[in-house]
Protein backbone atom coordinates (compact mmCIF):
# COMPACT_ATOMS: atom_id res chain seq x y z
CA MET A 1 -5.20 -3.45 0.53
CA GLY A 2 -6.63 -2.76 -2.87
CA ARG A 3 -9.43 -5.90 -2.65
CA TRP A 4 -11.04 -3.18 -0.60
CA VAL A 5 -12.37 -2.18 -3.95
CA ILE A 6 -13.19 -5.44 -5.73
CA ALA A 7 -15.04 -6.65 -2.58
CA GLU A 8 -17.66 -3.65 -2.23
CA GLU A 9 -17.96 -4.13 -6.29
CA HIS A 10 -18.92 -7.67 -5.65
CA LEU A 11 -21.14 -7.00 -2.70
CA LEU A 12 -23.19 -4.15 -4.43
CA ALA A 13 -23.70 -6.56 -7.32
CA ALA A 14 -24.76 -9.08 -4.92
CA LEU A 15 -27.20 -7.04 -3.34
CA ALA A 16 -28.61 -6.08 -6.47
CA THR A 17 -29.61 -9.64 -7.17
CA ASP A 18 -33.50 -10.69 -6.12
CA ASP A 19 -32.07 -14.32 -5.32
CA ARG A 20 -33.63 -16.00 -2.30
CA TRP A 21 -30.35 -16.53 -0.59
CA VAL A 22 -29.64 -12.37 -0.75
CA ARG A 23 -33.02 -12.19 0.21
CA HIS A 24 -32.65 -13.74 3.40
CA HIS A 25 -29.01 -12.90 4.22
CA ARG A 26 -29.76 -9.19 3.18
CA SER A 27 -29.14 -7.43 6.58
CA THR A 28 -25.93 -9.66 6.56
CA LEU A 29 -24.57 -8.19 3.31
CA GLN A 30 -25.48 -4.85 3.88
CA ALA A 31 -23.65 -4.74 7.35
CA ALA A 32 -20.49 -6.23 5.28
CA LEU A 33 -21.02 -3.58 2.57
CA GLU A 34 -21.05 -0.91 5.32
CA ALA A 35 -17.46 -2.23 6.80
CA VAL A 36 -16.00 -2.66 3.29
CA ARG A 37 -17.28 1.37 2.45
CA GLY A 38 -15.02 2.50 5.16
CA ARG A 39 -12.03 1.26 3.88
CA VAL A 40 -12.90 2.74 0.24
CA SER A 41 -12.96 6.44 -0.61
CA ASP A 42 -13.79 8.77 -4.13
CA LEU A 43 -10.89 10.47 -5.83
CA THR A 44 -11.51 12.68 -8.36
CA VAL A 45 -8.19 13.45 -10.51
CA THR A 46 -8.26 16.71 -12.55
CA CYS A 47 -5.90 17.48 -15.73
CA ASN A 48 -4.73 20.78 -17.55
CA VAL A 49 -4.21 18.27 -20.89
CA SER A 50 -7.33 16.68 -22.13
CA GLY A 51 -7.03 12.99 -22.87
CA ALA A 52 -4.02 12.41 -20.83
CA THR A 53 -3.84 9.07 -19.49
CA LEU A 54 -4.26 7.69 -15.75
CA ARG A 55 -2.95 4.90 -13.97
CA VAL A 56 -3.58 4.37 -10.26
CA ASN A 57 -1.15 2.50 -8.36
CA GLY A 58 -0.10 0.94 -11.31
CA VAL A 59 -3.60 -0.09 -12.77
CA PRO A 60 -4.47 1.73 -16.11
CA SER A 61 -7.53 3.90 -14.69
CA GLY A 62 -8.59 5.56 -18.34
CA THR A 63 -8.13 9.19 -19.66
CA LEU A 64 -8.77 12.57 -18.15
CA PRO A 65 -11.00 13.94 -17.71
CA ARG A 66 -13.13 11.43 -16.02
CA ALA A 67 -17.15 11.36 -16.07
CA THR A 68 -17.26 10.10 -12.42
CA PRO A 69 -14.75 9.64 -9.67
CA LEU A 70 -12.39 7.38 -8.73
CA ARG A 71 -12.67 4.11 -5.92
CA VAL A 72 -9.84 3.55 -4.59
CA PRO A 73 -8.56 2.07 -0.92
CA SER A 74 -8.12 4.89 1.86
CA GLY A 75 -4.52 5.51 2.24
CA PRO A 76 -1.65 6.54 0.29
CA VAL A 77 -2.30 5.93 -3.50
CA VAL A 78 0.21 6.77 -6.40
CA LEU A 79 -0.59 8.52 -9.68
CA ASP A 80 0.77 8.37 -13.03
CA VAL A 81 -0.30 10.99 -15.73
CA MET A 82 1.22 10.74 -19.18
CA ALA A 83 0.27 12.76 -22.01
CA GLU A 84 2.40 13.17 -25.52
CA GLY A 85 4.47 16.04 -25.67
CA HIS A 86 4.47 16.39 -21.61
CA ASP A 87 7.14 15.20 -19.15
CA PRO A 88 5.10 12.57 -17.29
CA HIS A 89 3.77 13.05 -13.85
CA ARG A 90 3.79 10.81 -10.57
CA GLN A 91 2.41 12.03 -7.35
CA THR A 92 1.35 10.15 -4.28
CA VAL A 93 -1.72 11.09 -2.36
CA GLN A 94 -2.77 10.56 0.98
CA VAL A 95 -6.74 9.60 0.38
CA THR A 96 -8.72 9.90 3.37
CA SER A 97 -12.56 9.01 4.09
CA GLY A 98 -14.97 11.10 2.04
CA THR A 99 -13.96 12.74 -1.25
CA SER A 100 -10.61 13.45 -2.20
CA ARG A 101 -9.15 16.05 -5.24
CA VAL A 102 -6.05 15.94 -6.99
CA GLU A 103 -5.47 18.79 -9.88
CA VAL A 104 -1.94 17.81 -12.12
CA THR A 105 -0.31 20.45 -14.32
CA LEU A 106 1.48 18.77 -16.87
CA VAL A 107 4.52 20.53 -18.35
CA ALA A 108 5.28 20.49 -21.96
CA GLU A 109 8.75 18.70 -23.04
CA ALA A 110 11.46 21.53 -23.68
CA ALA A 111 12.37 21.82 -27.49
CA PRO A 112 15.78 20.14 -28.10
CA VAL A 113 18.30 22.62 -28.21
CA ALA A 114 20.92 22.41 -31.11
CA ALA A 115 24.40 21.68 -29.60
CA PRO A 116 27.08 24.42 -29.85
CA PRO A 117 30.02 24.30 -32.88
CA ARG A 118 32.76 22.36 -31.44
CA VAL A 119 36.25 24.69 -31.25
CA VAL A 120 39.45 22.92 -30.75
CA VAL A 121 42.18 25.00 -28.98
CA PRO A 122 45.51 23.95 -29.42
CA THR A 123 47.27 23.41 -26.26
CA ALA A 124 51.03 23.77 -25.38
CA VAL A 125 52.00 20.10 -24.15
CA VAL A 126 53.38 19.94 -20.64
CA ALA A 127 55.48 17.68 -19.24
CA GLN A 128 53.89 15.06 -16.59
CA THR A 129 55.22 14.50 -13.22
CA ALA A 130 54.33 11.66 -11.29
CA VAL A 131 52.35 12.19 -8.42
CA VAL A 132 53.10 9.84 -5.46
CA ALA A 133 49.33 9.36 -3.11
CA PRO A 134 50.14 10.30 0.47
CA PRO A 135 49.99 7.17 2.83
CA VAL A 136 46.73 6.12 4.38
CA ILE A 137 46.59 6.09 7.90
CA ALA A 138 43.75 4.26 9.04
CA ALA A 139 41.97 5.88 11.83
CA PRO A 140 42.04 4.47 15.29
CA ASP A 141 38.89 2.40 16.02
CA ALA A 142 36.36 3.14 18.87
CA THR A 143 36.70 0.33 20.65
CA ALA A 144 41.45 0.78 21.04
CA ARG A 145 40.73 4.70 22.43
CA GLY A 146 38.11 3.15 24.91
CA ILE A 147 35.66 5.10 23.36
CA ALA A 148 32.30 3.59 23.72
CA PRO A 149 29.75 4.29 20.41
CA ARG A 150 27.04 6.44 21.29
CA PRO A 151 23.24 5.09 21.68
CA ILE A 152 20.76 5.65 19.69
CA GLU A 153 17.39 5.88 21.69
CA ALA A 154 14.16 4.94 20.52
CA PRO A 155 11.66 7.28 19.84
CA SER A 156 9.27 8.80 22.52
CA GLY A 157 6.31 6.42 22.56
CA SER A 158 3.42 9.39 22.98
CA ALA A 159 1.80 7.96 20.00
CA LEU A 160 2.31 4.01 20.54
CA PRO A 161 -0.85 3.46 22.79
CA ALA A 162 -3.27 5.55 20.12
CA LEU A 163 -1.61 3.20 17.08
CA ARG A 164 -2.17 0.19 19.25
CA VAL A 165 -5.56 0.71 19.68
CA THR A 166 -6.38 1.85 16.09
CA ALA A 167 -4.16 -1.23 14.49
CA PHE A 168 -6.48 -3.86 16.53
CA ALA A 169 -9.69 -2.01 15.74
CA LEU A 170 -8.63 -2.43 11.88
CA GLY A 171 -7.91 -5.82 12.42
CA GLY A 172 -11.20 -6.61 13.96
CA VAL A 173 -13.27 -5.17 11.03
CA GLY A 174 -10.92 -6.55 8.46
CA LEU A 175 -11.69 -10.32 10.72
CA ALA A 176 -15.22 -9.43 10.90
CA VAL A 177 -15.58 -8.91 7.61
CA GLY A 178 -13.72 -11.91 6.72
CA VAL A 179 -16.03 -14.16 9.09
CA ALA A 180 -18.74 -12.59 7.35
CA GLY A 181 -18.28 -13.19 3.97
CA LEU A 182 -16.95 -16.78 4.74
CA VAL A 183 -20.14 -18.09 6.29
CA LEU A 184 -21.68 -16.45 3.75
CA ARG A 185 -19.80 -18.30 1.22
CA ASN A 186 -20.48 -21.53 2.68
CA GLY A 187 -24.25 -20.84 2.75
CA ALA A 188 -24.48 -20.17 -0.99
CA ALA A 189 -21.91 -22.90 -1.69
CA SER A 190 -24.22 -25.56 0.20
CA SER A 191 -27.21 -24.08 -1.40
CA PHE A 192 -25.51 -24.67 -4.66
CA ALA A 193 -25.24 -28.29 -3.76
CA THR A 194 -28.49 -28.98 -2.31
CA ALA A 195 -30.32 -27.84 -5.82
CA GLY A 196 -28.03 -30.45 -7.71
CA CYS A 197 -26.13 -27.69 -9.64
CA GLY A 198 -22.96 -28.34 -11.42
CA THR A 199 -20.26 -25.92 -13.25
CA ASP A 200 -20.24 -27.16 -16.32
CA SER A 201 -23.16 -25.63 -17.99
CA LEU A 202 -25.17 -23.31 -15.52
CA SER A 203 -27.81 -22.13 -17.76
CA ALA A 204 -28.68 -25.78 -18.23
CA GLN A 205 -28.91 -26.19 -14.43
CA PRO A 206 -32.29 -25.82 -12.18
CA ALA A 207 -33.06 -22.02 -11.37
CA GLY A 208 -31.31 -20.30 -8.94
CA CYS A 209 -27.89 -22.23 -9.92
CA GLN A 210 -26.36 -18.96 -11.40
CA SER A 211 -27.49 -17.03 -8.13
CA ASP A 212 -25.88 -19.47 -5.72
CA TYR A 213 -22.76 -19.50 -8.01
CA ASP A 214 -22.13 -15.71 -8.26
CA THR A 215 -22.82 -14.99 -4.52
CA THR A 216 -20.16 -17.72 -3.91
CA GLN A 217 -17.35 -16.15 -6.02
CA SER A 218 -18.28 -12.73 -4.29
CA MET A 219 -18.16 -13.63 -0.91
CA GLN A 220 -14.92 -15.76 -1.44
CA ALA A 221 -13.59 -12.34 -2.93
CA VAL A 222 -15.03 -10.10 0.80
CA GLU A 223 -13.22 -13.54 2.90
CA ILE A 224 -10.25 -13.09 1.30
CA ALA A 225 -10.01 -9.21 1.58
CA GLY A 226 -11.17 -9.42 5.47
CA PHE A 227 -8.94 -11.94 6.49
CA ILE A 228 -5.87 -10.44 4.98
CA GLY A 229 -6.71 -6.85 6.03
CA GLY A 230 -7.68 -8.15 9.39
CA GLY A 231 -4.64 -10.52 9.68
CA VAL A 232 -2.28 -7.66 8.87
CA PHE A 233 -3.38 -4.85 11.22
CA ALA A 234 -3.29 -7.30 14.07
CA ALA A 235 0.50 -8.02 13.32
CA VAL A 236 0.71 -4.42 13.49
CA GLY A 237 -1.05 -4.31 16.65
CA VAL A 238 1.48 -6.76 18.07
CA VAL A 239 4.86 -5.17 17.02
CA LEU A 240 3.37 -1.95 18.64
CA THR A 241 2.50 -4.00 21.69
CA LEU A 242 6.13 -5.04 21.95
CA VAL A 243 7.58 -1.72 21.38
CA ARG A 244 8.40 0.28 24.64
CA PRO A 245 9.21 4.18 24.75
CA ALA A 246 12.29 5.55 25.71
CA ALA A 247 12.47 5.89 29.44
CA GLY A 248 15.21 7.99 30.12
CA ARG A 249 18.98 7.60 29.10
CA ASP A 250 19.66 5.06 32.10
CA GLY A 251 16.56 3.02 31.20
CA ALA A 252 16.10 3.65 27.55
CA THR A 253 16.19 1.13 24.55
CA ALA A 254 19.50 1.70 22.79
CA TRP A 255 21.74 0.50 19.83
CA GLY A 256 24.80 1.50 18.60
CA CYS A 257 27.80 0.42 16.25
CA GLY A 258 31.66 1.07 16.29
CA ARG A 259 34.76 0.18 14.62
CA GLY A 260 36.18 -2.85 15.52
CA PRO A 261 37.72 -5.88 16.34
CA GLY A 262 40.54 -4.50 14.33
CA THR A 263 40.69 -2.23 10.78
CA LEU A 264 38.22 -3.51 8.64
CA GLY A 265 36.03 -4.67 11.56
CA LEU A 266 32.87 -3.71 12.71
CA SER A 267 30.96 -4.20 16.24
CA CYS A 268 27.42 -3.55 17.67
CA GLY A 269 25.44 -3.65 20.65
CA GLY A 270 22.16 -3.09 21.94
CA ARG A 271 20.26 -2.16 25.13
CA PHE A 272 16.92 -2.95 26.19
């Protein structure tokens, strides 16, 4: 889902041009940009050590302090902050819409402590006596004792409807962004081909070829990000639709496992 940030960068770059194709489709591009911005937030990170290096979700993101906030996808973000002479710091931040702020405090590494001198104390020789381990008696399995495994009831589904609706809504937004990117990419590619452009040397091509080429690449990134995001959220919605909350002990969805058959066996069962 980190491609939301890349999609925002490409859409902003496309809207900043004065290309005729962009002027004709500016309203559609602006709508796609607003949808993408709903998935991206600002994150300001401060640190007590100047010059500390910052990594966001494993990607190098410069040193601290930063002059501008980071643009990150909304949701959980993993921060790694490191500085010479200090213990590394890792923190997971839940980024929400708008602007989030995180203050990181690095702790200086502890000075190495010299090991105390080794003192050799003479010990008396004690005759060793063989120790015999007690026999291991296997506990009777639950099936042999007639005890049914205790079912593990499914949690209450009071929050499932809201999660289901949210997943489908986000899936719809992602698919809409993907469709918009597909349409705009195809339009730019058609304009590129109609103008007789080629990809070997764009500098020697007719006017507008470079702009059509850049727009095609940008909209391809938007298309991929939209379809991936929409597909993921739609799949989550389908899974939540198939889940049913517990309806009391007799009708509850349950799983259970117990020993058997035999001493080393394992049996499991479920109720739906």
